[in-house]
Each structure stands twice: as structure tokens, then as C-alpha cells.
Amino acid sequence: MNVAIVKYNAGNIYSVVNALKRLGVEPLLTDDAEQLQKADRVLFPGQGEARGAMEYLKAHRLDEVIRNLQQPVLGICVGQQLLCQHSEEGDVDCIGVFDAEVKRFQPVRHEDKVPCMGWNRLTNVKSPLFEDDSYVYFVHSYYVPLCEDTAATADYILPYSAAMHKGNFYACQFHPEKSGKVGERIIQNFLEL
């Protein structure tokens, strides 16, 4: 199987590479449009800041390439957020696969810390990739509100989209590559779609 990882100026890519290698897959790390279009599966991970990431993607026309991919695509963390219409982080228009706006967490109580860091539970799962009541690892200051593309819910300050699904696009706000056996199973499920 030919698995490609979108290479752009966002951190966390090598932990995804290592997670795939643990599953016996040697991924191609690339920002080449033709290589991404030819891949059987595309992973779009990210950690970092939305505006800078979108500037890189647009400068390399990768926003158009990603938007038009036909094979299964998995966005991870900032990758999920960049697949939405717009992000409050840097007030930037994003790729626009999901019809949703990315918002910043606003603490309500003293104990509400931003960024949200740690393990949280998935509920209301509506996708074959994920399992209800499983715990996965999150690190994020921005979130996607619940919407018609929500594929799993998590609750931190308020309920939000822990995962999303629309057509061939899947996405998760959490890090499957850092979520132990549950995360490994999610990546395997994605490869087996």
C-alpha cells in the first residue's frame, strides 16, 4: 500500500511516520502534488499555528491538491482544523472540506486550562474508524464545534468535534499516534478502509 504524509511546516510529522512504521508501513513524506494524488492513503498531520501552515500550503498550492483528493485522507490535530472553512487562530481561511469554523477555547472556570492537554473520552461515535468510550490523547487550544460532520465528541469546557468525517475525508483533533493501542487501531482502521 502506498501511504503518503503531507509534508509542510507543521510539527509532529515524525511521530506519525513512526506510528505507521510500527504497523509495517513505510510512508512517503512529500509535498509533491503528483505523489499525493497517486497515494492509496494520505495522512495530513500537524501541530502548530494555522495561519503559518495555510500560508505554506497555499504558496505550494497544496490546499487545492488536498481539497481535491479522492482517496481516503486522515487529518490529525491541526490537520483537522485546516480541513475546516476558517480558523480563529490567525483569522485565516482554511481548505474548506468541512463546513465548520475553528474556535479558541474560552476558560469558564478557574480549573479550565488552555491548552487542553491529556487523555479524554470519545462519545457519540459515528464512524468505523473510532470506538465509543475509548480514551485518546489531546493537545490543543482550538476546537471545532459540533456540526453535521462530527464523527465523535469529546468534552472539555464544552462538547466539541473530537473527530470528523465527510466523504473520503476523516479527521481527528486528538493524536492517534500518541494514543497507545487505541490510536494504533484507529490508524490501522484507516489503512483498511
N, C-alpha and C. Protein backbone atom coordinates (compact mmCIF):
# COMPACT_ATOMS: atom_id res chain seq x y z
N MET A 1 0.84 -1.19 0.00
CA MET A 1 0.00 0.00 0.00
C MET A 1 0.88 1.25 0.00
N ASN A 2 0.52 2.20 -0.82
CA ASN A 2 1.25 3.45 -0.96
C ASN A 2 0.61 4.50 -0.04
N VAL A 3 1.27 4.84 1.05
CA VAL A 3 0.75 5.79 2.03
C VAL A 3 1.63 7.05 2.02
N ALA A 4 0.99 8.20 1.83
CA ALA A 4 1.72 9.47 1.80
C ALA A 4 1.33 10.32 3.00
N ILE A 5 2.31 11.06 3.51
CA ILE A 5 2.09 12.05 4.57
C ILE A 5 2.39 13.41 3.98
N VAL A 6 1.45 14.35 4.14
CA VAL A 6 1.64 15.70 3.62
C VAL A 6 2.77 16.38 4.39
N LYS A 7 3.79 16.81 3.66
CA LYS A 7 4.94 17.49 4.26
C LYS A 7 4.72 19.00 4.13
N TYR A 8 4.66 19.67 5.27
CA TYR A 8 4.54 21.13 5.28
C TYR A 8 5.10 21.61 6.60
N ASN A 9 5.05 22.91 6.86
CA ASN A 9 5.74 23.45 8.04
C ASN A 9 4.92 23.28 9.32
N ALA A 10 4.63 22.04 9.66
CA ALA A 10 3.92 21.75 10.91
C ALA A 10 4.64 20.61 11.61
N GLY A 11 4.74 20.71 12.92
CA GLY A 11 5.44 19.69 13.70
C GLY A 11 4.67 18.40 13.77
N ASN A 12 5.22 17.41 14.45
CA ASN A 12 4.55 16.16 14.77
C ASN A 12 4.57 15.13 13.64
N ILE A 13 5.13 15.47 12.51
CA ILE A 13 5.08 14.55 11.38
C ILE A 13 5.84 13.26 11.68
N TYR A 14 6.97 13.34 12.37
CA TYR A 14 7.78 12.13 12.56
C TYR A 14 7.17 11.14 13.54
N SER A 15 6.35 11.60 14.47
CA SER A 15 5.67 10.62 15.34
C SER A 15 4.63 9.85 14.54
N VAL A 16 4.04 10.48 13.51
CA VAL A 16 3.10 9.78 12.63
C VAL A 16 3.87 8.79 11.74
N VAL A 17 5.02 9.21 11.22
CA VAL A 17 5.87 8.31 10.43
C VAL A 17 6.20 7.07 11.26
N ASN A 18 6.62 7.26 12.51
CA ASN A 18 6.98 6.14 13.37
C ASN A 18 5.79 5.24 13.69
N ALA A 19 4.61 5.84 13.88
CA ALA A 19 3.41 5.03 14.15
C ALA A 19 3.09 4.13 12.96
N LEU A 20 3.24 4.66 11.75
CA LEU A 20 3.00 3.85 10.55
C LEU A 20 4.04 2.75 10.42
N LYS A 21 5.30 3.08 10.70
CA LYS A 21 6.36 2.06 10.62
C LYS A 21 6.10 0.92 11.60
N ARG A 22 5.57 1.24 12.78
CA ARG A 22 5.23 0.19 13.76
C ARG A 22 4.16 -0.74 13.21
N LEU A 23 3.35 -0.25 12.28
CA LEU A 23 2.31 -1.07 11.65
C LEU A 23 2.80 -1.74 10.37
N GLY A 24 4.11 -1.60 10.10
CA GLY A 24 4.69 -2.25 8.93
C GLY A 24 4.53 -1.46 7.64
N VAL A 25 4.21 -0.17 7.73
CA VAL A 25 4.03 0.67 6.56
C VAL A 25 5.19 1.67 6.48
N GLU A 26 5.81 1.75 5.31
CA GLU A 26 6.89 2.73 5.07
C GLU A 26 6.27 3.90 4.30
N PRO A 27 5.89 4.99 5.00
CA PRO A 27 5.19 6.09 4.32
C PRO A 27 6.14 6.98 3.53
N LEU A 28 5.56 7.69 2.56
CA LEU A 28 6.28 8.68 1.78
C LEU A 28 5.94 10.05 2.34
N LEU A 29 6.93 10.80 2.78
CA LEU A 29 6.74 12.15 3.30
C LEU A 29 6.97 13.11 2.13
N THR A 30 5.92 13.83 1.68
CA THR A 30 6.05 14.61 0.46
C THR A 30 5.16 15.83 0.41
N ASP A 31 5.61 16.84 -0.33
CA ASP A 31 4.76 17.98 -0.66
C ASP A 31 4.55 18.05 -2.17
N ASP A 32 4.80 16.92 -2.85
CA ASP A 32 4.65 16.84 -4.30
C ASP A 32 3.21 16.44 -4.65
N ALA A 33 2.54 17.29 -5.42
CA ALA A 33 1.12 17.08 -5.75
C ALA A 33 0.88 15.73 -6.41
N GLU A 34 1.72 15.37 -7.36
CA GLU A 34 1.54 14.11 -8.08
C GLU A 34 1.66 12.90 -7.16
N GLN A 35 2.64 12.94 -6.26
CA GLN A 35 2.83 11.83 -5.31
C GLN A 35 1.62 11.72 -4.37
N LEU A 36 1.09 12.86 -3.92
CA LEU A 36 -0.08 12.83 -3.04
C LEU A 36 -1.30 12.28 -3.78
N GLN A 37 -1.47 12.68 -5.03
CA GLN A 37 -2.62 12.22 -5.82
C GLN A 37 -2.54 10.73 -6.14
N LYS A 38 -1.34 10.18 -6.27
CA LYS A 38 -1.17 8.77 -6.60
C LYS A 38 -1.25 7.85 -5.38
N ALA A 39 -1.14 8.38 -4.18
CA ALA A 39 -1.11 7.55 -2.97
C ALA A 39 -2.45 6.85 -2.75
N ASP A 40 -2.39 5.67 -2.12
CA ASP A 40 -3.62 4.95 -1.75
C ASP A 40 -4.29 5.58 -0.54
N ARG A 41 -3.49 6.11 0.37
CA ARG A 41 -3.97 6.79 1.58
C ARG A 41 -3.11 8.02 1.81
N VAL A 42 -3.72 9.10 2.33
CA VAL A 42 -2.98 10.32 2.64
C VAL A 42 -3.26 10.70 4.08
N LEU A 43 -2.20 10.94 4.84
CA LEU A 43 -2.33 11.47 6.20
C LEU A 43 -1.89 12.92 6.19
N PHE A 44 -2.66 13.75 6.90
CA PHE A 44 -2.43 15.19 6.95
C PHE A 44 -2.32 15.60 8.43
N PRO A 45 -1.16 15.31 9.04
CA PRO A 45 -0.99 15.63 10.46
C PRO A 45 -0.55 17.08 10.65
N GLY A 46 -0.49 17.51 11.89
CA GLY A 46 0.02 18.85 12.13
C GLY A 46 -0.04 19.24 13.58
N GLN A 47 0.88 20.07 13.94
CA GLN A 47 0.94 20.69 15.25
C GLN A 47 1.48 22.07 14.97
N GLY A 48 0.94 23.06 15.58
CA GLY A 48 1.48 24.39 15.33
C GLY A 48 0.38 25.40 15.13
N GLU A 49 0.61 26.34 14.22
CA GLU A 49 -0.24 27.53 14.11
C GLU A 49 -0.89 27.57 12.72
N ALA A 50 -2.20 27.83 12.70
CA ALA A 50 -3.00 27.72 11.47
C ALA A 50 -2.56 28.68 10.37
N ARG A 51 -2.34 29.95 10.70
CA ARG A 51 -2.02 30.93 9.66
C ARG A 51 -0.73 30.56 8.91
N GLY A 52 0.33 30.27 9.64
CA GLY A 52 1.60 29.91 9.01
C GLY A 52 1.47 28.65 8.18
N ALA A 53 0.71 27.68 8.69
CA ALA A 53 0.51 26.43 7.95
C ALA A 53 -0.24 26.70 6.65
N MET A 54 -1.31 27.51 6.70
CA MET A 54 -2.07 27.80 5.49
C MET A 54 -1.26 28.61 4.49
N GLU A 55 -0.40 29.51 4.97
CA GLU A 55 0.45 30.27 4.05
C GLU A 55 1.36 29.34 3.27
N TYR A 56 1.94 28.35 3.94
CA TYR A 56 2.80 27.37 3.27
C TYR A 56 1.99 26.55 2.27
N LEU A 57 0.83 26.03 2.73
CA LEU A 57 0.01 25.19 1.86
C LEU A 57 -0.43 25.95 0.61
N LYS A 58 -0.86 27.20 0.77
CA LYS A 58 -1.30 27.99 -0.38
C LYS A 58 -0.14 28.33 -1.31
N ALA A 59 1.02 28.67 -0.74
CA ALA A 59 2.19 29.01 -1.57
C ALA A 59 2.60 27.82 -2.43
N HIS A 60 2.37 26.61 -1.95
CA HIS A 60 2.74 25.40 -2.69
C HIS A 60 1.53 24.76 -3.38
N ARG A 61 0.40 25.45 -3.35
CA ARG A 61 -0.87 25.01 -3.95
C ARG A 61 -1.35 23.67 -3.39
N LEU A 62 -0.88 23.34 -2.20
CA LEU A 62 -1.28 22.08 -1.58
C LEU A 62 -2.71 22.15 -1.05
N ASP A 63 -3.22 23.36 -0.76
CA ASP A 63 -4.60 23.48 -0.31
C ASP A 63 -5.55 22.94 -1.37
N GLU A 64 -5.32 23.29 -2.64
CA GLU A 64 -6.15 22.79 -3.75
C GLU A 64 -5.97 21.29 -3.93
N VAL A 65 -4.73 20.83 -3.86
CA VAL A 65 -4.44 19.41 -4.03
C VAL A 65 -5.19 18.59 -2.97
N ILE A 66 -5.06 19.00 -1.69
CA ILE A 66 -5.70 18.26 -0.60
C ILE A 66 -7.22 18.28 -0.76
N ARG A 67 -7.79 19.44 -1.06
CA ARG A 67 -9.24 19.58 -1.21
C ARG A 67 -9.80 18.63 -2.27
N ASN A 68 -8.99 18.34 -3.29
CA ASN A 68 -9.47 17.54 -4.42
C ASN A 68 -9.04 16.08 -4.39
N LEU A 69 -8.41 15.64 -3.31
CA LEU A 69 -8.01 14.23 -3.22
C LEU A 69 -9.25 13.33 -3.21
N GLN A 70 -9.14 12.18 -3.86
CA GLN A 70 -10.27 11.25 -3.97
C GLN A 70 -10.12 10.02 -3.06
N GLN A 71 -8.90 9.71 -2.65
CA GLN A 71 -8.67 8.55 -1.80
C GLN A 71 -8.93 8.92 -0.32
N PRO A 72 -8.96 7.93 0.59
CA PRO A 72 -9.13 8.26 2.00
C PRO A 72 -8.01 9.17 2.51
N VAL A 73 -8.41 10.23 3.22
CA VAL A 73 -7.50 11.22 3.80
C VAL A 73 -7.80 11.30 5.29
N LEU A 74 -6.74 11.32 6.12
CA LEU A 74 -6.91 11.45 7.57
C LEU A 74 -6.17 12.70 8.06
N GLY A 75 -6.93 13.70 8.50
CA GLY A 75 -6.36 14.89 9.12
C GLY A 75 -6.18 14.65 10.61
N ILE A 76 -5.06 15.09 11.15
CA ILE A 76 -4.76 14.87 12.58
C ILE A 76 -4.44 16.22 13.23
N CYS A 77 -5.11 16.52 14.35
CA CYS A 77 -4.91 17.73 15.15
C CYS A 77 -5.08 18.99 14.31
N VAL A 78 -4.02 19.75 14.07
CA VAL A 78 -4.14 20.94 13.23
C VAL A 78 -4.61 20.54 11.83
N GLY A 79 -4.28 19.32 11.41
CA GLY A 79 -4.77 18.81 10.13
C GLY A 79 -6.29 18.81 10.07
N GLN A 80 -6.96 18.43 11.16
CA GLN A 80 -8.43 18.50 11.21
C GLN A 80 -8.87 19.95 11.08
N GLN A 81 -8.25 20.83 11.83
CA GLN A 81 -8.66 22.24 11.83
C GLN A 81 -8.47 22.87 10.45
N LEU A 82 -7.36 22.55 9.77
CA LEU A 82 -7.10 23.14 8.46
C LEU A 82 -8.05 22.62 7.39
N LEU A 83 -8.72 21.49 7.63
CA LEU A 83 -9.71 20.99 6.70
C LEU A 83 -11.05 21.72 6.83
N CYS A 84 -11.17 22.61 7.82
CA CYS A 84 -12.40 23.39 8.01
C CYS A 84 -12.39 24.64 7.14
N GLN A 85 -13.44 25.45 7.24
CA GLN A 85 -13.57 26.67 6.42
C GLN A 85 -12.66 27.79 6.89
N HIS A 86 -12.59 27.99 8.20
CA HIS A 86 -11.90 29.17 8.74
C HIS A 86 -11.42 28.86 10.15
N SER A 87 -10.32 29.49 10.56
CA SER A 87 -9.82 29.34 11.93
C SER A 87 -9.65 30.69 12.59
N GLU A 88 -10.08 30.76 13.84
CA GLU A 88 -9.83 31.96 14.65
C GLU A 88 -8.34 32.15 14.90
N GLU A 89 -7.58 31.06 14.83
CA GLU A 89 -6.14 31.15 15.06
C GLU A 89 -5.49 31.84 13.86
N GLY A 90 -5.16 33.10 14.01
CA GLY A 90 -4.60 33.87 12.91
C GLY A 90 -5.65 34.40 11.96
N ASP A 91 -6.94 34.19 12.29
CA ASP A 91 -8.06 34.67 11.48
C ASP A 91 -7.81 34.33 10.00
N VAL A 92 -7.74 33.03 9.71
CA VAL A 92 -7.34 32.59 8.37
C VAL A 92 -8.37 31.65 7.74
N ASP A 93 -8.58 31.82 6.44
CA ASP A 93 -9.40 30.88 5.69
C ASP A 93 -8.59 29.61 5.47
N CYS A 94 -9.27 28.47 5.59
CA CYS A 94 -8.58 27.18 5.51
C CYS A 94 -9.00 26.44 4.24
N ILE A 95 -8.85 25.14 4.21
CA ILE A 95 -9.04 24.34 3.00
C ILE A 95 -10.52 24.20 2.63
N GLY A 96 -11.40 24.11 3.62
CA GLY A 96 -12.82 24.15 3.34
C GLY A 96 -13.51 22.85 3.01
N VAL A 97 -12.95 21.71 3.40
CA VAL A 97 -13.64 20.43 3.20
C VAL A 97 -14.85 20.35 4.13
N PHE A 98 -14.64 20.65 5.41
CA PHE A 98 -15.71 20.63 6.40
C PHE A 98 -16.29 22.03 6.54
N ASP A 99 -17.61 22.11 6.58
CA ASP A 99 -18.28 23.40 6.72
C ASP A 99 -18.37 23.76 8.20
N ALA A 100 -17.23 24.18 8.74
CA ALA A 100 -17.15 24.49 10.17
C ALA A 100 -16.08 25.55 10.41
N GLU A 101 -16.22 26.27 11.51
CA GLU A 101 -15.26 27.31 11.91
C GLU A 101 -14.50 26.81 13.14
N VAL A 102 -13.20 27.00 13.16
CA VAL A 102 -12.37 26.60 14.30
C VAL A 102 -12.35 27.74 15.31
N LYS A 103 -12.65 27.41 16.57
CA LYS A 103 -12.76 28.41 17.65
C LYS A 103 -11.68 28.19 18.70
N ARG A 104 -11.36 29.24 19.44
CA ARG A 104 -10.42 29.12 20.57
C ARG A 104 -11.20 28.77 21.83
N PHE A 105 -10.66 27.83 22.63
CA PHE A 105 -11.27 27.53 23.93
C PHE A 105 -11.28 28.79 24.79
N GLN A 106 -12.40 29.06 25.42
CA GLN A 106 -12.51 30.18 26.36
C GLN A 106 -12.77 29.59 27.75
N PRO A 107 -11.79 29.68 28.67
CA PRO A 107 -11.99 29.13 30.01
C PRO A 107 -13.23 29.74 30.68
N VAL A 108 -13.99 28.88 31.34
CA VAL A 108 -15.19 29.32 32.04
C VAL A 108 -14.93 29.33 33.54
N ARG A 109 -14.23 28.31 34.05
CA ARG A 109 -13.92 28.20 35.47
C ARG A 109 -12.42 28.30 35.68
N HIS A 110 -12.02 28.52 36.90
CA HIS A 110 -10.59 28.64 37.22
C HIS A 110 -9.80 27.41 36.79
N GLU A 111 -10.41 26.23 36.94
CA GLU A 111 -9.68 24.98 36.63
C GLU A 111 -9.62 24.68 35.12
N ASP A 112 -10.27 25.47 34.30
CA ASP A 112 -10.21 25.28 32.85
C ASP A 112 -8.88 25.82 32.32
N LYS A 113 -8.02 24.94 31.91
CA LYS A 113 -6.70 25.32 31.40
C LYS A 113 -6.67 25.23 29.88
N VAL A 114 -6.04 26.18 29.26
CA VAL A 114 -5.85 26.17 27.81
C VAL A 114 -4.35 26.32 27.56
N PRO A 115 -3.71 25.39 26.86
CA PRO A 115 -4.34 24.36 26.03
C PRO A 115 -4.90 23.19 26.83
N CYS A 116 -5.84 22.51 26.19
CA CYS A 116 -6.36 21.24 26.69
C CYS A 116 -5.27 20.20 26.43
N MET A 117 -4.80 19.55 27.49
CA MET A 117 -3.75 18.54 27.35
C MET A 117 -4.12 17.32 28.17
N GLY A 118 -4.05 16.16 27.54
CA GLY A 118 -4.26 14.93 28.29
C GLY A 118 -5.25 14.00 27.61
N TRP A 119 -5.62 12.98 28.35
CA TRP A 119 -6.50 11.93 27.84
C TRP A 119 -7.95 12.33 28.02
N ASN A 120 -8.76 12.02 27.01
CA ASN A 120 -10.18 12.31 27.09
C ASN A 120 -10.93 11.21 26.35
N ARG A 121 -12.22 11.12 26.62
CA ARG A 121 -13.06 10.02 26.14
C ARG A 121 -13.83 10.42 24.88
N LEU A 122 -13.90 9.50 23.94
CA LEU A 122 -14.72 9.69 22.74
C LEU A 122 -16.13 9.18 23.01
N THR A 123 -17.13 9.98 22.65
CA THR A 123 -18.53 9.57 22.78
C THR A 123 -19.26 9.90 21.47
N ASN A 124 -20.48 9.41 21.34
CA ASN A 124 -21.32 9.67 20.16
C ASN A 124 -20.58 9.38 18.86
N VAL A 125 -19.90 8.25 18.81
CA VAL A 125 -19.09 7.89 17.66
C VAL A 125 -19.98 7.49 16.48
N LYS A 126 -19.68 8.09 15.30
CA LYS A 126 -20.45 7.81 14.08
C LYS A 126 -19.50 7.51 12.93
N SER A 127 -18.48 6.73 13.17
CA SER A 127 -17.51 6.41 12.12
C SER A 127 -16.88 5.05 12.43
N PRO A 128 -16.59 4.26 11.40
CA PRO A 128 -15.96 2.97 11.62
C PRO A 128 -14.51 3.06 12.11
N LEU A 129 -13.92 4.26 12.04
CA LEU A 129 -12.53 4.40 12.48
C LEU A 129 -12.40 4.37 14.00
N PHE A 130 -13.41 4.87 14.69
CA PHE A 130 -13.29 5.14 16.12
C PHE A 130 -14.21 4.24 16.94
N GLU A 131 -13.90 4.12 18.24
CA GLU A 131 -14.71 3.30 19.14
C GLU A 131 -15.26 4.16 20.26
N ASP A 132 -16.55 4.01 20.53
CA ASP A 132 -17.19 4.73 21.62
C ASP A 132 -16.51 4.40 22.94
N ASP A 133 -16.42 5.38 23.81
CA ASP A 133 -15.88 5.23 25.17
C ASP A 133 -14.40 4.88 25.20
N SER A 134 -13.67 5.09 24.10
CA SER A 134 -12.23 4.88 24.15
C SER A 134 -11.55 6.18 24.54
N TYR A 135 -10.38 6.07 25.16
CA TYR A 135 -9.63 7.25 25.61
C TYR A 135 -8.47 7.49 24.66
N VAL A 136 -8.31 8.77 24.27
CA VAL A 136 -7.26 9.18 23.33
C VAL A 136 -6.60 10.45 23.85
N TYR A 137 -5.44 10.78 23.28
CA TYR A 137 -4.61 11.88 23.80
C TYR A 137 -4.77 13.16 22.98
N PHE A 138 -5.06 14.25 23.69
CA PHE A 138 -5.29 15.56 23.07
C PHE A 138 -4.25 16.58 23.54
N VAL A 139 -3.87 17.50 22.65
CA VAL A 139 -3.12 18.72 22.99
C VAL A 139 -3.60 19.79 22.01
N HIS A 140 -4.42 20.74 22.48
CA HIS A 140 -4.91 21.78 21.56
C HIS A 140 -5.55 22.94 22.32
N SER A 141 -5.47 24.12 21.71
CA SER A 141 -6.08 25.34 22.26
C SER A 141 -7.31 25.74 21.46
N TYR A 142 -7.46 25.16 20.28
CA TYR A 142 -8.57 25.48 19.39
C TYR A 142 -9.37 24.21 19.14
N TYR A 143 -10.64 24.36 18.80
CA TYR A 143 -11.52 23.21 18.62
C TYR A 143 -12.53 23.50 17.51
N VAL A 144 -13.13 22.44 17.01
CA VAL A 144 -14.21 22.56 16.03
C VAL A 144 -15.51 22.28 16.77
N PRO A 145 -16.46 23.23 16.75
CA PRO A 145 -17.75 22.98 17.40
C PRO A 145 -18.46 21.78 16.77
N LEU A 146 -19.43 21.25 17.49
CA LEU A 146 -20.25 20.16 16.95
C LEU A 146 -20.94 20.64 15.68
N CYS A 147 -20.99 19.77 14.67
CA CYS A 147 -21.59 20.14 13.39
C CYS A 147 -22.06 18.87 12.68
N GLU A 148 -22.57 19.00 11.48
CA GLU A 148 -23.11 17.82 10.79
C GLU A 148 -22.02 16.82 10.41
N ASP A 149 -20.75 17.25 10.36
CA ASP A 149 -19.65 16.35 10.03
C ASP A 149 -18.98 15.74 11.26
N THR A 150 -19.47 16.04 12.46
CA THR A 150 -18.90 15.47 13.68
C THR A 150 -19.04 13.95 13.66
N ALA A 151 -17.92 13.25 13.85
CA ALA A 151 -17.92 11.78 13.85
C ALA A 151 -17.68 11.20 15.24
N ALA A 152 -17.24 12.04 16.18
CA ALA A 152 -17.07 11.65 17.58
C ALA A 152 -16.99 12.94 18.39
N THR A 153 -17.45 12.86 19.62
CA THR A 153 -17.50 14.02 20.51
C THR A 153 -16.55 13.82 21.68
N ALA A 154 -15.94 14.90 22.13
CA ALA A 154 -15.21 14.94 23.40
C ALA A 154 -15.74 16.15 24.16
N ASP A 155 -15.48 16.18 25.45
CA ASP A 155 -15.98 17.28 26.27
C ASP A 155 -14.84 17.88 27.07
N TYR A 156 -14.53 19.12 26.80
CA TYR A 156 -13.56 19.89 27.59
C TYR A 156 -14.03 21.34 27.53
N ILE A 157 -14.46 21.87 28.63
CA ILE A 157 -15.13 23.17 28.74
C ILE A 157 -16.52 23.10 28.09
N LEU A 158 -16.60 22.49 26.90
CA LEU A 158 -17.88 22.28 26.23
C LEU A 158 -17.73 21.08 25.29
N PRO A 159 -18.82 20.47 24.84
CA PRO A 159 -18.71 19.38 23.88
C PRO A 159 -18.22 19.93 22.54
N TYR A 160 -17.33 19.18 21.86
CA TYR A 160 -16.79 19.63 20.57
C TYR A 160 -16.49 18.41 19.70
N SER A 161 -16.10 18.68 18.45
CA SER A 161 -15.80 17.61 17.49
C SER A 161 -14.43 17.02 17.76
N ALA A 162 -14.41 15.84 18.37
CA ALA A 162 -13.14 15.13 18.58
C ALA A 162 -12.70 14.47 17.29
N ALA A 163 -13.67 14.17 16.40
CA ALA A 163 -13.37 13.58 15.10
C ALA A 163 -14.45 14.02 14.12
N MET A 164 -14.08 13.99 12.83
CA MET A 164 -15.00 14.42 11.78
C MET A 164 -14.91 13.45 10.60
N HIS A 165 -15.98 13.44 9.79
CA HIS A 165 -16.00 12.59 8.60
C HIS A 165 -16.94 13.19 7.56
N LYS A 166 -16.45 13.27 6.32
CA LYS A 166 -17.26 13.72 5.19
C LYS A 166 -16.68 13.09 3.93
N GLY A 167 -17.43 12.21 3.31
CA GLY A 167 -16.95 11.55 2.10
C GLY A 167 -15.69 10.75 2.37
N ASN A 168 -14.62 11.04 1.62
CA ASN A 168 -13.36 10.33 1.80
C ASN A 168 -12.44 11.01 2.83
N PHE A 169 -12.93 12.07 3.47
CA PHE A 169 -12.13 12.81 4.46
C PHE A 169 -12.52 12.41 5.88
N TYR A 170 -11.52 11.99 6.64
CA TYR A 170 -11.65 11.67 8.06
C TYR A 170 -10.70 12.59 8.80
N ALA A 171 -11.02 12.92 10.03
CA ALA A 171 -10.13 13.80 10.78
C ALA A 171 -10.33 13.57 12.27
N CYS A 172 -9.28 13.81 13.04
CA CYS A 172 -9.38 13.72 14.49
C CYS A 172 -8.58 14.85 15.13
N GLN A 173 -9.16 15.45 16.15
CA GLN A 173 -8.49 16.52 16.87
C GLN A 173 -7.38 15.94 17.76
N PHE A 174 -7.57 14.73 18.20
CA PHE A 174 -6.59 14.06 19.07
C PHE A 174 -5.46 13.48 18.24
N HIS A 175 -4.47 12.93 18.93
CA HIS A 175 -3.29 12.34 18.29
C HIS A 175 -3.36 10.82 18.38
N PRO A 176 -3.81 10.13 17.32
CA PRO A 176 -3.83 8.67 17.39
C PRO A 176 -2.43 8.09 17.56
N GLU A 177 -1.43 8.75 16.99
CA GLU A 177 -0.05 8.25 17.08
C GLU A 177 0.52 8.34 18.48
N LYS A 178 -0.19 9.05 19.39
CA LYS A 178 0.24 9.15 20.79
C LYS A 178 -0.79 8.56 21.74
N SER A 179 -1.72 7.78 21.18
CA SER A 179 -2.84 7.26 21.98
C SER A 179 -2.77 5.75 22.19
N GLY A 180 -1.57 5.20 22.25
CA GLY A 180 -1.38 3.80 22.60
C GLY A 180 -2.08 2.85 21.65
N LYS A 181 -2.57 1.74 22.19
CA LYS A 181 -3.20 0.68 21.38
C LYS A 181 -4.46 1.17 20.68
N VAL A 182 -5.23 2.04 21.36
CA VAL A 182 -6.45 2.58 20.74
C VAL A 182 -6.09 3.38 19.50
N GLY A 183 -5.09 4.24 19.60
CA GLY A 183 -4.65 5.04 18.46
C GLY A 183 -4.10 4.20 17.33
N GLU A 184 -3.36 3.15 17.70
CA GLU A 184 -2.81 2.24 16.69
C GLU A 184 -3.94 1.57 15.91
N ARG A 185 -5.00 1.20 16.63
CA ARG A 185 -6.16 0.57 15.99
C ARG A 185 -6.86 1.55 15.04
N ILE A 186 -6.93 2.83 15.44
CA ILE A 186 -7.55 3.86 14.59
C ILE A 186 -6.77 4.00 13.29
N ILE A 187 -5.45 4.07 13.38
CA ILE A 187 -4.62 4.19 12.17
C ILE A 187 -4.78 2.94 11.31
N GLN A 188 -4.79 1.76 11.94
CA GLN A 188 -4.99 0.50 11.20
C GLN A 188 -6.35 0.51 10.52
N ASN A 189 -7.40 0.95 11.22
CA ASN A 189 -8.74 1.04 10.63
C ASN A 189 -8.74 1.94 9.40
N PHE A 190 -8.01 3.05 9.49
CA PHE A 190 -7.91 3.98 8.36
C PHE A 190 -7.23 3.30 7.17
N LEU A 191 -6.15 2.59 7.44
CA LEU A 191 -5.43 1.91 6.35
C LEU A 191 -6.29 0.83 5.70
N GLU A 192 -7.21 0.26 6.46
CA GLU A 192 -8.04 -0.84 5.95
C GLU A 192 -9.35 -0.38 5.32
N LEU A 193 -9.60 0.91 5.30
CA LEU A 193 -10.86 1.41 4.71
C LEU A 193 -11.03 0.91 3.28
